[in-house]
């Protein structure tokens, strides 16, 4: 049975990824009746794509702040595409033609079972006295990862976990309350929807 893949073609890079997403938009528009109950919606995808293109243009002169904003917009776009791919896979039920109708590339029929993400290892949190309200998180790479899901909350607060999605294995969390102890964890998100979190790491934030 065929499954959706996130292969963008023979080359990689931001330009190729934009073309990949633009083709998904075209195909989903052409075959809207097949995917009328899609979540995220086609409008969500178009909005994320437009936001990334704008951020990409703004960052053309390599301003560091604008480059960070561009990378965040790319992560947000990849997350929308990932969730749409899961919806299409459920809708297709192994039919490669349906997958192609949504603009995705199907896997080879008879390919191996998708590997479940392992428990992340060597997850670390670093804080610095000269960076108020900032925690830098880092974890080992996983070869099949699509995106990293970092989470945090105040320790012993009972609050919901806050999420930060990143295409990289390290990320800086900003806007934290100084002189507070936080809990942090991370999970790999891959083609297999199973998620296993790392051990929780606690740290005070300056």
N, C-alpha and C. Protein backbone atom coordinates (compact mmCIF):
# COMPACT_ATOMS: atom_id res chain seq x y z
N UNK A 1 0.84 -1.20 0.00
CA UNK A 1 0.00 0.00 0.00
C UNK A 1 0.87 1.25 0.00
N UNK A 2 0.55 2.18 -0.88
CA UNK A 2 1.33 3.41 -0.97
C UNK A 2 1.01 4.35 0.18
N UNK A 3 2.01 5.11 0.60
CA UNK A 3 1.83 6.12 1.62
C UNK A 3 2.34 7.45 1.09
N UNK A 4 1.90 8.54 1.71
CA UNK A 4 2.41 9.84 1.29
C UNK A 4 3.86 9.98 1.76
N UNK A 5 4.67 10.63 0.95
CA UNK A 5 6.03 10.99 1.34
C UNK A 5 6.16 12.50 1.22
N UNK A 6 7.23 13.02 1.80
CA UNK A 6 7.49 14.45 1.71
C UNK A 6 8.70 14.72 0.82
N UNK A 7 8.94 13.80 -0.11
CA UNK A 7 10.03 13.99 -1.08
C UNK A 7 9.67 15.14 -2.02
N UNK A 8 10.59 16.08 -2.14
CA UNK A 8 10.31 17.26 -2.96
C UNK A 8 10.84 17.13 -4.39
N UNK A 9 11.60 16.11 -4.66
CA UNK A 9 12.15 15.94 -6.01
C UNK A 9 13.60 15.51 -5.94
N UNK A 10 14.33 15.80 -6.99
CA UNK A 10 15.73 15.36 -7.07
C UNK A 10 16.68 16.30 -6.35
N UNK A 11 16.23 17.52 -6.05
CA UNK A 11 17.09 18.48 -5.37
C UNK A 11 16.41 18.94 -4.08
N UNK A 12 17.19 19.58 -3.22
CA UNK A 12 16.66 20.08 -1.97
C UNK A 12 16.88 21.58 -1.89
N UNK A 13 16.48 22.18 -0.80
CA UNK A 13 16.64 23.61 -0.63
C UNK A 13 15.30 24.32 -0.58
N UNK A 14 15.34 25.57 -0.16
CA UNK A 14 14.10 26.32 0.03
C UNK A 14 13.33 26.53 -1.27
N UNK A 15 14.04 26.81 -2.36
CA UNK A 15 13.37 27.05 -3.64
C UNK A 15 12.63 25.80 -4.10
N UNK A 16 13.25 24.64 -3.96
CA UNK A 16 12.61 23.39 -4.35
C UNK A 16 11.42 23.09 -3.45
N UNK A 17 11.55 23.41 -2.16
CA UNK A 17 10.45 23.16 -1.24
C UNK A 17 9.25 24.03 -1.57
N UNK A 18 9.50 25.29 -1.94
CA UNK A 18 8.40 26.18 -2.33
C UNK A 18 7.68 25.62 -3.56
N UNK A 19 8.42 25.13 -4.54
CA UNK A 19 7.81 24.54 -5.73
C UNK A 19 6.96 23.32 -5.35
N UNK A 20 7.48 22.52 -4.44
CA UNK A 20 6.77 21.34 -3.95
C UNK A 20 5.43 21.73 -3.34
N UNK A 21 5.45 22.76 -2.47
CA UNK A 21 4.22 23.19 -1.81
C UNK A 21 3.27 23.85 -2.81
N UNK A 22 3.81 24.62 -3.73
CA UNK A 22 2.97 25.27 -4.75
C UNK A 22 2.23 24.22 -5.58
N UNK A 23 2.90 23.10 -5.87
CA UNK A 23 2.24 22.03 -6.62
C UNK A 23 1.13 21.39 -5.79
N UNK A 24 1.36 21.25 -4.48
CA UNK A 24 0.30 20.73 -3.60
C UNK A 24 -0.91 21.65 -3.63
N UNK A 25 -0.67 22.97 -3.57
CA UNK A 25 -1.77 23.94 -3.62
C UNK A 25 -2.55 23.79 -4.92
N UNK A 26 -1.85 23.66 -6.04
CA UNK A 26 -2.50 23.52 -7.34
C UNK A 26 -3.36 22.26 -7.38
N UNK A 27 -2.79 21.13 -6.95
CA UNK A 27 -3.50 19.86 -7.01
C UNK A 27 -4.70 19.83 -6.06
N UNK A 28 -4.52 20.39 -4.86
CA UNK A 28 -5.63 20.41 -3.91
C UNK A 28 -6.76 21.32 -4.41
N UNK A 29 -6.39 22.38 -5.12
CA UNK A 29 -7.40 23.27 -5.70
C UNK A 29 -8.15 22.56 -6.82
N UNK A 30 -7.41 21.85 -7.68
CA UNK A 30 -8.02 21.13 -8.79
C UNK A 30 -8.95 20.02 -8.30
N UNK A 31 -8.58 19.40 -7.20
CA UNK A 31 -9.33 18.23 -6.70
C UNK A 31 -9.98 18.52 -5.35
N UNK A 32 -10.48 19.74 -5.21
CA UNK A 32 -11.04 20.19 -3.94
C UNK A 32 -12.16 19.28 -3.45
N UNK A 33 -12.95 18.74 -4.35
CA UNK A 33 -14.08 17.91 -3.94
C UNK A 33 -13.63 16.62 -3.25
N UNK A 34 -12.40 16.16 -3.55
CA UNK A 34 -11.89 14.94 -2.93
C UNK A 34 -11.41 15.18 -1.50
N UNK A 35 -11.09 16.44 -1.19
CA UNK A 35 -10.48 16.74 0.10
C UNK A 35 -11.22 17.88 0.80
N UNK A 36 -12.54 17.86 0.71
CA UNK A 36 -13.36 18.96 1.21
C UNK A 36 -13.31 19.11 2.72
N UNK A 37 -13.04 18.01 3.43
CA UNK A 37 -13.03 18.06 4.89
C UNK A 37 -11.61 18.09 5.45
N UNK A 38 -10.68 18.58 4.66
CA UNK A 38 -9.27 18.56 5.06
C UNK A 38 -9.00 19.49 6.23
N UNK A 39 -8.14 19.03 7.13
CA UNK A 39 -7.73 19.81 8.28
C UNK A 39 -6.26 19.50 8.56
N UNK A 40 -5.36 20.50 8.43
CA UNK A 40 -5.56 21.92 8.13
C UNK A 40 -6.19 22.10 6.74
N UNK A 41 -6.75 23.27 6.52
CA UNK A 41 -7.45 23.55 5.27
C UNK A 41 -6.48 24.04 4.21
N UNK A 42 -6.98 24.09 2.97
CA UNK A 42 -6.19 24.65 1.89
C UNK A 42 -5.85 26.11 2.17
N UNK A 43 -6.78 26.84 2.77
CA UNK A 43 -6.53 28.25 3.13
C UNK A 43 -5.39 28.36 4.14
N UNK A 44 -5.34 27.41 5.09
CA UNK A 44 -4.24 27.41 6.07
C UNK A 44 -2.90 27.22 5.36
N UNK A 45 -2.87 26.31 4.39
CA UNK A 45 -1.64 26.05 3.64
C UNK A 45 -1.23 27.27 2.83
N UNK A 46 -2.17 27.90 2.16
CA UNK A 46 -1.86 29.08 1.36
C UNK A 46 -1.36 30.21 2.24
N UNK A 47 -1.96 30.37 3.40
CA UNK A 47 -1.53 31.43 4.31
C UNK A 47 -0.11 31.18 4.80
N UNK A 48 0.21 29.93 5.15
CA UNK A 48 1.56 29.60 5.62
C UNK A 48 2.58 29.77 4.51
N UNK A 49 2.22 29.42 3.29
CA UNK A 49 3.12 29.57 2.15
C UNK A 49 3.38 31.05 1.86
N UNK A 50 2.34 31.84 1.88
CA UNK A 50 2.49 33.29 1.65
C UNK A 50 3.36 33.92 2.72
N UNK A 51 3.15 33.52 3.98
CA UNK A 51 3.94 34.07 5.08
C UNK A 51 5.42 33.71 4.91
N UNK A 52 5.71 32.48 4.47
CA UNK A 52 7.10 32.09 4.28
C UNK A 52 7.73 32.85 3.12
N UNK A 53 7.01 33.00 2.02
CA UNK A 53 7.56 33.74 0.88
C UNK A 53 7.90 35.17 1.26
N UNK A 54 7.02 35.81 2.04
CA UNK A 54 7.28 37.18 2.48
C UNK A 54 8.50 37.23 3.38
N UNK A 55 8.57 36.29 4.33
CA UNK A 55 9.71 36.25 5.24
C UNK A 55 11.00 35.97 4.49
N UNK A 56 10.91 35.13 3.47
CA UNK A 56 12.08 34.80 2.65
C UNK A 56 12.58 36.04 1.92
N UNK A 57 11.66 36.83 1.36
CA UNK A 57 12.05 38.06 0.66
C UNK A 57 12.63 39.07 1.63
N UNK A 58 12.03 39.18 2.81
CA UNK A 58 12.51 40.14 3.82
C UNK A 58 13.92 39.80 4.28
N UNK A 59 14.26 38.50 4.28
CA UNK A 59 15.56 38.05 4.79
C UNK A 59 16.62 37.99 3.70
N UNK A 60 16.32 38.48 2.53
CA UNK A 60 17.25 38.37 1.39
C UNK A 60 18.61 39.01 1.65
N UNK A 61 18.64 40.02 2.51
CA UNK A 61 19.90 40.72 2.78
C UNK A 61 20.59 40.21 4.04
N UNK A 62 20.13 39.07 4.54
CA UNK A 62 20.79 38.32 5.61
C UNK A 62 20.77 39.02 6.96
N UNK A 63 19.81 39.93 7.18
CA UNK A 63 19.63 40.49 8.51
C UNK A 63 19.32 39.33 9.46
N UNK A 64 20.06 39.21 10.56
CA UNK A 64 19.96 38.05 11.44
C UNK A 64 18.56 37.86 12.00
N UNK A 65 17.94 38.95 12.43
CA UNK A 65 16.60 38.83 12.99
C UNK A 65 15.60 38.35 11.95
N UNK A 66 15.72 38.87 10.73
CA UNK A 66 14.80 38.48 9.66
C UNK A 66 15.06 37.05 9.19
N UNK A 67 16.30 36.60 9.29
CA UNK A 67 16.61 35.20 8.95
C UNK A 67 15.95 34.26 9.96
N UNK A 68 15.98 34.64 11.24
CA UNK A 68 15.31 33.83 12.28
C UNK A 68 13.81 33.77 12.00
N UNK A 69 13.22 34.91 11.66
CA UNK A 69 11.78 34.96 11.35
C UNK A 69 11.48 34.08 10.13
N UNK A 70 12.34 34.12 9.13
CA UNK A 70 12.15 33.28 7.93
C UNK A 70 12.19 31.80 8.30
N UNK A 71 13.15 31.41 9.12
CA UNK A 71 13.27 30.01 9.52
C UNK A 71 12.05 29.56 10.32
N UNK A 72 11.52 30.44 11.16
CA UNK A 72 10.31 30.13 11.91
C UNK A 72 9.11 29.95 10.98
N UNK A 73 9.04 30.79 9.94
CA UNK A 73 7.95 30.68 8.96
C UNK A 73 8.06 29.38 8.17
N UNK A 74 9.30 28.96 7.87
CA UNK A 74 9.50 27.70 7.16
C UNK A 74 9.08 26.52 8.04
N UNK A 75 9.42 26.56 9.31
CA UNK A 75 9.01 25.49 10.23
C UNK A 75 7.48 25.41 10.32
N UNK A 76 6.83 26.58 10.37
CA UNK A 76 5.36 26.61 10.44
C UNK A 76 4.75 26.03 9.17
N UNK A 77 5.33 26.35 8.02
CA UNK A 77 4.84 25.81 6.74
C UNK A 77 5.03 24.30 6.70
N UNK A 78 6.18 23.81 7.11
CA UNK A 78 6.45 22.37 7.09
C UNK A 78 5.48 21.62 8.00
N UNK A 79 5.10 22.24 9.10
CA UNK A 79 4.17 21.58 10.02
C UNK A 79 2.79 21.44 9.38
N UNK A 80 2.33 22.49 8.69
CA UNK A 80 1.04 22.43 8.00
C UNK A 80 1.07 21.35 6.92
N UNK A 81 2.15 21.32 6.14
CA UNK A 81 2.29 20.31 5.08
C UNK A 81 2.30 18.91 5.68
N UNK A 82 2.99 18.74 6.79
CA UNK A 82 3.05 17.43 7.46
C UNK A 82 1.66 16.95 7.86
N UNK A 83 0.86 17.82 8.48
CA UNK A 83 -0.47 17.41 8.92
C UNK A 83 -1.39 17.15 7.73
N UNK A 84 -1.24 17.91 6.66
CA UNK A 84 -2.04 17.64 5.46
C UNK A 84 -1.64 16.30 4.86
N UNK A 85 -0.36 15.98 4.89
CA UNK A 85 0.10 14.69 4.34
C UNK A 85 -0.52 13.53 5.10
N UNK A 86 -0.66 13.67 6.42
CA UNK A 86 -1.29 12.61 7.22
C UNK A 86 -2.76 12.48 6.86
N UNK A 87 -3.44 13.62 6.66
CA UNK A 87 -4.85 13.59 6.25
C UNK A 87 -4.99 12.88 4.90
N UNK A 88 -4.14 13.24 3.94
CA UNK A 88 -4.21 12.64 2.60
C UNK A 88 -3.95 11.14 2.68
N UNK A 89 -3.00 10.75 3.53
CA UNK A 89 -2.68 9.33 3.67
C UNK A 89 -3.89 8.55 4.20
N UNK A 90 -4.59 9.13 5.18
CA UNK A 90 -5.80 8.47 5.70
C UNK A 90 -6.88 8.40 4.63
N UNK A 91 -7.02 9.47 3.86
CA UNK A 91 -8.03 9.52 2.81
C UNK A 91 -7.71 8.53 1.69
N UNK A 92 -6.44 8.40 1.36
CA UNK A 92 -6.03 7.57 0.22
C UNK A 92 -6.18 6.08 0.49
N UNK A 93 -5.96 5.67 1.73
CA UNK A 93 -6.04 4.24 2.10
C UNK A 93 -5.19 3.38 1.18
N UNK A 94 -3.99 3.88 0.89
CA UNK A 94 -3.04 3.12 0.08
C UNK A 94 -3.13 3.35 -1.41
N UNK A 95 -4.08 4.16 -1.89
CA UNK A 95 -4.26 4.42 -3.32
C UNK A 95 -3.30 5.52 -3.77
N UNK A 96 -2.30 5.16 -4.58
CA UNK A 96 -1.29 6.12 -5.03
C UNK A 96 -1.91 7.24 -5.86
N UNK A 97 -2.98 6.94 -6.60
CA UNK A 97 -3.62 7.94 -7.44
C UNK A 97 -4.20 9.07 -6.60
N UNK A 98 -4.76 8.73 -5.44
CA UNK A 98 -5.32 9.76 -4.55
C UNK A 98 -4.19 10.62 -3.98
N UNK A 99 -3.10 9.98 -3.63
CA UNK A 99 -1.94 10.72 -3.11
C UNK A 99 -1.42 11.70 -4.15
N UNK A 100 -1.31 11.25 -5.38
CA UNK A 100 -0.85 12.13 -6.46
C UNK A 100 -1.85 13.26 -6.71
N UNK A 101 -3.13 12.99 -6.51
CA UNK A 101 -4.16 14.01 -6.71
C UNK A 101 -4.02 15.16 -5.73
N UNK A 102 -3.36 14.91 -4.61
CA UNK A 102 -3.13 15.95 -3.61
C UNK A 102 -1.78 16.64 -3.77
N UNK A 103 -0.99 16.21 -4.76
CA UNK A 103 0.29 16.84 -5.01
C UNK A 103 1.47 16.22 -4.29
N UNK A 104 1.23 15.14 -3.55
CA UNK A 104 2.31 14.46 -2.85
C UNK A 104 2.86 13.32 -3.70
N UNK A 105 4.05 12.89 -3.37
CA UNK A 105 4.66 11.74 -4.03
C UNK A 105 4.40 10.48 -3.21
N UNK A 106 3.83 9.45 -3.80
CA UNK A 106 3.57 8.22 -3.03
C UNK A 106 4.83 7.40 -2.84
N UNK A 107 4.86 6.64 -1.77
CA UNK A 107 5.96 5.71 -1.55
C UNK A 107 5.82 4.54 -2.51
N UNK A 108 6.89 3.78 -2.63
CA UNK A 108 6.83 2.58 -3.46
C UNK A 108 5.94 1.55 -2.78
N UNK A 109 5.11 0.90 -3.56
CA UNK A 109 4.25 -0.15 -3.02
C UNK A 109 5.12 -1.27 -2.48
N UNK A 110 4.79 -1.72 -1.27
CA UNK A 110 5.56 -2.79 -0.67
C UNK A 110 6.76 -2.32 0.10
N UNK A 111 6.90 -1.00 0.28
CA UNK A 111 8.05 -0.50 1.03
C UNK A 111 7.91 -0.89 2.50
N UNK A 112 8.99 -0.83 3.23
CA UNK A 112 9.02 -1.31 4.62
C UNK A 112 8.12 -0.46 5.51
N UNK A 113 7.71 -1.07 6.60
CA UNK A 113 6.90 -0.36 7.58
C UNK A 113 7.65 0.85 8.10
N UNK A 114 6.95 1.96 8.24
CA UNK A 114 7.59 3.19 8.68
C UNK A 114 8.11 3.03 10.11
N UNK A 115 9.32 3.49 10.30
CA UNK A 115 9.99 3.36 11.59
C UNK A 115 9.38 4.32 12.60
N UNK A 116 9.08 3.81 13.78
CA UNK A 116 8.56 4.67 14.85
C UNK A 116 9.70 5.52 15.40
N UNK A 117 9.45 6.79 15.69
CA UNK A 117 10.51 7.64 16.25
C UNK A 117 11.02 7.09 17.57
N UNK A 118 12.32 7.09 17.79
CA UNK A 118 12.86 6.61 19.06
C UNK A 118 12.72 7.68 20.14
N UNK A 119 13.00 7.31 21.36
CA UNK A 119 13.04 8.28 22.45
C UNK A 119 14.26 9.17 22.27
N UNK A 120 14.09 10.48 22.23
CA UNK A 120 15.24 11.37 22.04
C UNK A 120 16.25 11.24 23.18
N UNK A 121 17.51 11.26 22.81
CA UNK A 121 18.58 11.12 23.80
C UNK A 121 19.46 12.37 23.81
N UNK A 122 20.20 12.51 24.91
CA UNK A 122 21.13 13.64 25.09
C UNK A 122 20.43 14.98 24.92
N UNK A 123 19.23 15.07 25.49
CA UNK A 123 18.49 16.33 25.48
C UNK A 123 19.06 17.23 26.58
N UNK A 124 19.42 18.45 26.23
CA UNK A 124 20.03 19.35 27.20
C UNK A 124 19.42 20.73 27.14
N UNK A 125 19.50 21.44 28.25
CA UNK A 125 18.99 22.81 28.36
C UNK A 125 20.12 23.68 28.90
N UNK A 126 20.37 24.78 28.23
CA UNK A 126 21.43 25.70 28.66
C UNK A 126 20.84 27.08 28.87
N UNK A 127 21.18 27.70 30.00
CA UNK A 127 20.77 29.08 30.27
C UNK A 127 22.03 29.88 30.60
N UNK A 128 21.97 31.17 30.32
CA UNK A 128 23.11 32.04 30.57
C UNK A 128 22.65 33.27 31.36
N UNK A 129 23.47 33.67 32.31
CA UNK A 129 23.10 34.77 33.19
C UNK A 129 22.90 36.08 32.43
N UNK A 130 23.58 36.23 31.29
CA UNK A 130 23.47 37.49 30.53
C UNK A 130 22.32 37.47 29.52
N UNK A 131 21.56 36.37 29.48
CA UNK A 131 20.41 36.27 28.57
C UNK A 131 19.16 36.03 29.41
N UNK A 132 18.45 37.10 29.73
CA UNK A 132 17.28 36.99 30.60
C UNK A 132 16.10 36.37 29.86
N UNK A 133 15.46 35.39 30.51
CA UNK A 133 14.27 34.78 29.95
C UNK A 133 14.50 33.90 28.73
N UNK A 134 15.72 33.39 28.57
CA UNK A 134 16.07 32.59 27.40
C UNK A 134 16.62 31.23 27.84
N UNK A 135 16.19 30.17 27.18
CA UNK A 135 16.73 28.82 27.39
C UNK A 135 17.07 28.23 26.02
N UNK A 136 18.25 27.66 25.91
CA UNK A 136 18.70 27.06 24.66
C UNK A 136 18.62 25.55 24.77
N UNK A 137 17.84 24.93 23.90
CA UNK A 137 17.57 23.49 23.95
C UNK A 137 18.29 22.79 22.81
N UNK A 138 18.81 21.61 23.10
CA UNK A 138 19.55 20.85 22.10
C UNK A 138 19.32 19.36 22.30
N UNK A 139 19.21 18.61 21.19
CA UNK A 139 18.98 17.17 21.27
C UNK A 139 19.69 16.50 20.10
N UNK A 140 19.95 15.20 20.24
CA UNK A 140 20.57 14.46 19.14
C UNK A 140 19.69 14.48 17.89
N UNK A 141 20.31 14.52 16.72
CA UNK A 141 19.58 14.38 15.47
C UNK A 141 19.00 12.98 15.34
N UNK A 142 17.91 12.87 14.59
CA UNK A 142 17.38 11.57 14.18
C UNK A 142 17.23 11.60 12.66
N UNK A 143 17.74 10.60 11.98
CA UNK A 143 17.86 10.64 10.52
C UNK A 143 16.52 10.78 9.80
N UNK A 144 15.44 10.27 10.40
CA UNK A 144 14.14 10.28 9.72
C UNK A 144 13.20 11.37 10.23
N UNK A 145 13.73 12.32 10.98
CA UNK A 145 12.87 13.34 11.57
C UNK A 145 12.33 14.28 10.49
N UNK A 146 11.08 14.69 10.67
CA UNK A 146 10.50 15.72 9.82
C UNK A 146 10.56 17.06 10.52
N UNK A 147 10.31 17.02 11.83
CA UNK A 147 10.35 18.24 12.62
C UNK A 147 10.52 17.86 14.09
N UNK A 148 11.12 18.76 14.85
CA UNK A 148 11.33 18.54 16.27
C UNK A 148 10.26 19.31 17.04
N UNK A 149 9.64 18.67 18.02
CA UNK A 149 8.61 19.31 18.84
C UNK A 149 9.17 19.51 20.24
N UNK A 150 9.60 20.75 20.53
CA UNK A 150 10.10 21.11 21.85
C UNK A 150 8.93 21.63 22.68
N UNK A 151 8.92 21.30 23.98
CA UNK A 151 7.84 21.73 24.85
C UNK A 151 8.41 22.22 26.19
N UNK A 152 7.66 23.14 26.82
CA UNK A 152 8.12 23.69 28.09
C UNK A 152 6.92 24.16 28.92
N UNK A 153 7.11 24.23 30.23
CA UNK A 153 6.12 24.79 31.15
C UNK A 153 6.81 25.06 32.48
N UNK A 154 6.20 25.91 33.31
CA UNK A 154 6.74 26.16 34.63
C UNK A 154 6.60 24.89 35.48
N UNK A 155 7.62 24.60 36.26
CA UNK A 155 7.61 23.39 37.07
C UNK A 155 6.58 23.50 38.19
N UNK A 156 5.88 22.39 38.42
CA UNK A 156 4.88 22.28 39.48
C UNK A 156 3.73 23.27 39.33
N UNK A 157 3.51 23.76 38.11
CA UNK A 157 2.44 24.73 37.89
C UNK A 157 1.13 24.09 37.45
N UNK A 158 1.21 22.89 36.88
CA UNK A 158 0.04 22.25 36.32
C UNK A 158 -0.40 22.85 35.00
N UNK A 159 0.41 23.77 34.45
CA UNK A 159 0.09 24.41 33.17
C UNK A 159 0.19 23.42 32.02
N UNK A 160 -0.50 23.72 30.92
CA UNK A 160 -0.35 22.94 29.70
C UNK A 160 1.05 23.16 29.13
N UNK A 161 1.58 22.14 28.47
CA UNK A 161 2.86 22.28 27.81
C UNK A 161 2.73 23.26 26.64
N UNK A 162 3.69 24.16 26.50
CA UNK A 162 3.77 25.06 25.36
C UNK A 162 4.70 24.44 24.32
N UNK A 163 4.33 24.55 23.05
CA UNK A 163 5.09 23.89 21.99
C UNK A 163 5.86 24.87 21.12
N UNK A 164 7.04 24.46 20.73
CA UNK A 164 7.83 25.19 19.73
C UNK A 164 8.30 24.16 18.72
N UNK A 165 7.89 24.32 17.46
CA UNK A 165 8.29 23.39 16.41
C UNK A 165 9.53 23.93 15.70
N UNK A 166 10.46 23.04 15.38
CA UNK A 166 11.69 23.48 14.72
C UNK A 166 12.17 22.39 13.76
N UNK A 167 12.69 22.82 12.62
CA UNK A 167 13.29 21.87 11.68
C UNK A 167 14.72 21.52 12.07
N UNK A 168 15.24 22.18 13.09
CA UNK A 168 16.61 21.93 13.56
C UNK A 168 16.57 21.31 14.95
N UNK A 169 17.67 20.65 15.31
CA UNK A 169 17.72 19.92 16.58
C UNK A 169 18.08 20.83 17.75
N UNK A 170 18.25 22.10 17.51
CA UNK A 170 18.47 23.03 18.60
C UNK A 170 17.61 24.26 18.38
N UNK A 171 17.15 24.84 19.50
CA UNK A 171 16.25 25.99 19.40
C UNK A 171 16.41 26.82 20.66
N UNK A 172 16.17 28.13 20.54
CA UNK A 172 16.19 29.02 21.69
C UNK A 172 14.75 29.39 22.04
N UNK A 173 14.37 29.18 23.29
CA UNK A 173 13.06 29.57 23.79
C UNK A 173 13.21 30.93 24.47
N UNK A 174 12.45 31.91 24.02
CA UNK A 174 12.55 33.25 24.57
C UNK A 174 11.24 33.63 25.28
N UNK A 175 11.27 34.75 26.00
CA UNK A 175 10.07 35.25 26.66
C UNK A 175 9.69 34.51 27.93
N UNK A 176 10.62 33.72 28.48
CA UNK A 176 10.34 33.01 29.73
C UNK A 176 10.43 33.98 30.91
N UNK A 177 9.74 33.67 31.98
CA UNK A 177 9.78 34.52 33.18
C UNK A 177 11.09 34.29 33.92
N UNK A 178 11.83 35.35 34.20
CA UNK A 178 13.12 35.20 34.90
C UNK A 178 12.94 34.68 36.33
N UNK A 179 13.97 34.05 36.81
CA UNK A 179 14.03 33.51 38.17
C UNK A 179 12.87 32.55 38.42
N UNK A 180 12.61 31.72 37.45
CA UNK A 180 11.57 30.69 37.55
C UNK A 180 12.17 29.36 37.09
N UNK A 181 11.68 28.28 37.68
CA UNK A 181 12.13 26.95 37.25
C UNK A 181 11.14 26.39 36.23
N UNK A 182 11.68 25.90 35.11
CA UNK A 182 10.86 25.37 34.03
C UNK A 182 11.20 23.90 33.79
N UNK A 183 10.24 23.20 33.19
CA UNK A 183 10.45 21.84 32.70
C UNK A 183 10.48 21.87 31.17
N UNK A 184 11.36 21.07 30.58
CA UNK A 184 11.49 21.01 29.13
C UNK A 184 11.51 19.55 28.68
N UNK A 185 10.99 19.30 27.48
CA UNK A 185 11.06 17.98 26.87
C UNK A 185 11.00 18.15 25.35
N UNK A 186 11.28 17.07 24.62
CA UNK A 186 11.27 17.13 23.17
C UNK A 186 10.83 15.78 22.62
N UNK A 187 10.23 15.81 21.43
CA UNK A 187 9.86 14.58 20.72
C UNK A 187 10.19 14.74 19.25
N UNK A 188 10.56 13.64 18.61
CA UNK A 188 10.74 13.63 17.16
C UNK A 188 9.38 13.41 16.50
N UNK A 189 9.13 14.12 15.42
CA UNK A 189 7.94 13.87 14.61
C UNK A 189 8.40 13.33 13.26
N UNK A 190 7.94 12.12 12.93
CA UNK A 190 8.32 11.49 11.67
C UNK A 190 7.08 11.07 10.89
N UNK A 191 7.27 10.24 9.89
CA UNK A 191 6.14 9.77 9.09
C UNK A 191 5.23 8.85 9.90
N UNK A 192 5.82 8.07 10.80
CA UNK A 192 5.02 7.28 11.72
C UNK A 192 4.48 8.21 12.81
N UNK A 193 3.16 8.29 13.01
CA UNK A 193 2.60 9.26 13.94
C UNK A 193 2.89 8.99 15.42
N UNK A 194 3.51 7.86 15.73
CA UNK A 194 3.88 7.58 17.12
C UNK A 194 4.86 8.62 17.63
N UNK A 195 4.67 9.09 18.87
CA UNK A 195 5.59 10.05 19.47
C UNK A 195 6.05 9.55 20.82
N UNK A 196 7.35 9.64 21.08
CA UNK A 196 7.92 9.30 22.37
C UNK A 196 8.74 10.48 22.86
N UNK A 197 8.42 10.98 24.05
CA UNK A 197 9.12 12.15 24.56
C UNK A 197 10.44 11.77 25.22
N UNK A 198 11.33 12.73 25.26
CA UNK A 198 12.58 12.59 26.00
C UNK A 198 12.28 12.63 27.48
N UNK A 199 13.29 12.35 28.29
CA UNK A 199 13.18 12.60 29.72
C UNK A 199 12.99 14.11 29.92
N UNK A 200 12.27 14.48 30.96
CA UNK A 200 12.06 15.89 31.29
C UNK A 200 13.32 16.45 31.94
N UNK A 201 13.73 17.62 31.48
CA UNK A 201 14.87 18.33 32.06
C UNK A 201 14.35 19.60 32.72
N UNK A 202 14.73 19.80 33.98
CA UNK A 202 14.32 20.99 34.72
C UNK A 202 15.49 21.97 34.81
N UNK A 203 15.17 23.27 34.72
CA UNK A 203 16.23 24.27 34.81
C UNK A 203 15.63 25.60 35.24
N UNK A 204 16.39 26.34 36.07
CA UNK A 204 16.00 27.71 36.39
C UNK A 204 16.40 28.63 35.24
N UNK A 205 15.59 29.65 35.02
CA UNK A 205 15.85 30.62 33.96
C UNK A 205 16.23 31.94 34.61
N UNK A 206 17.29 32.58 34.13
CA UNK A 206 17.73 33.86 34.69
C UNK A 206 16.81 34.99 34.23
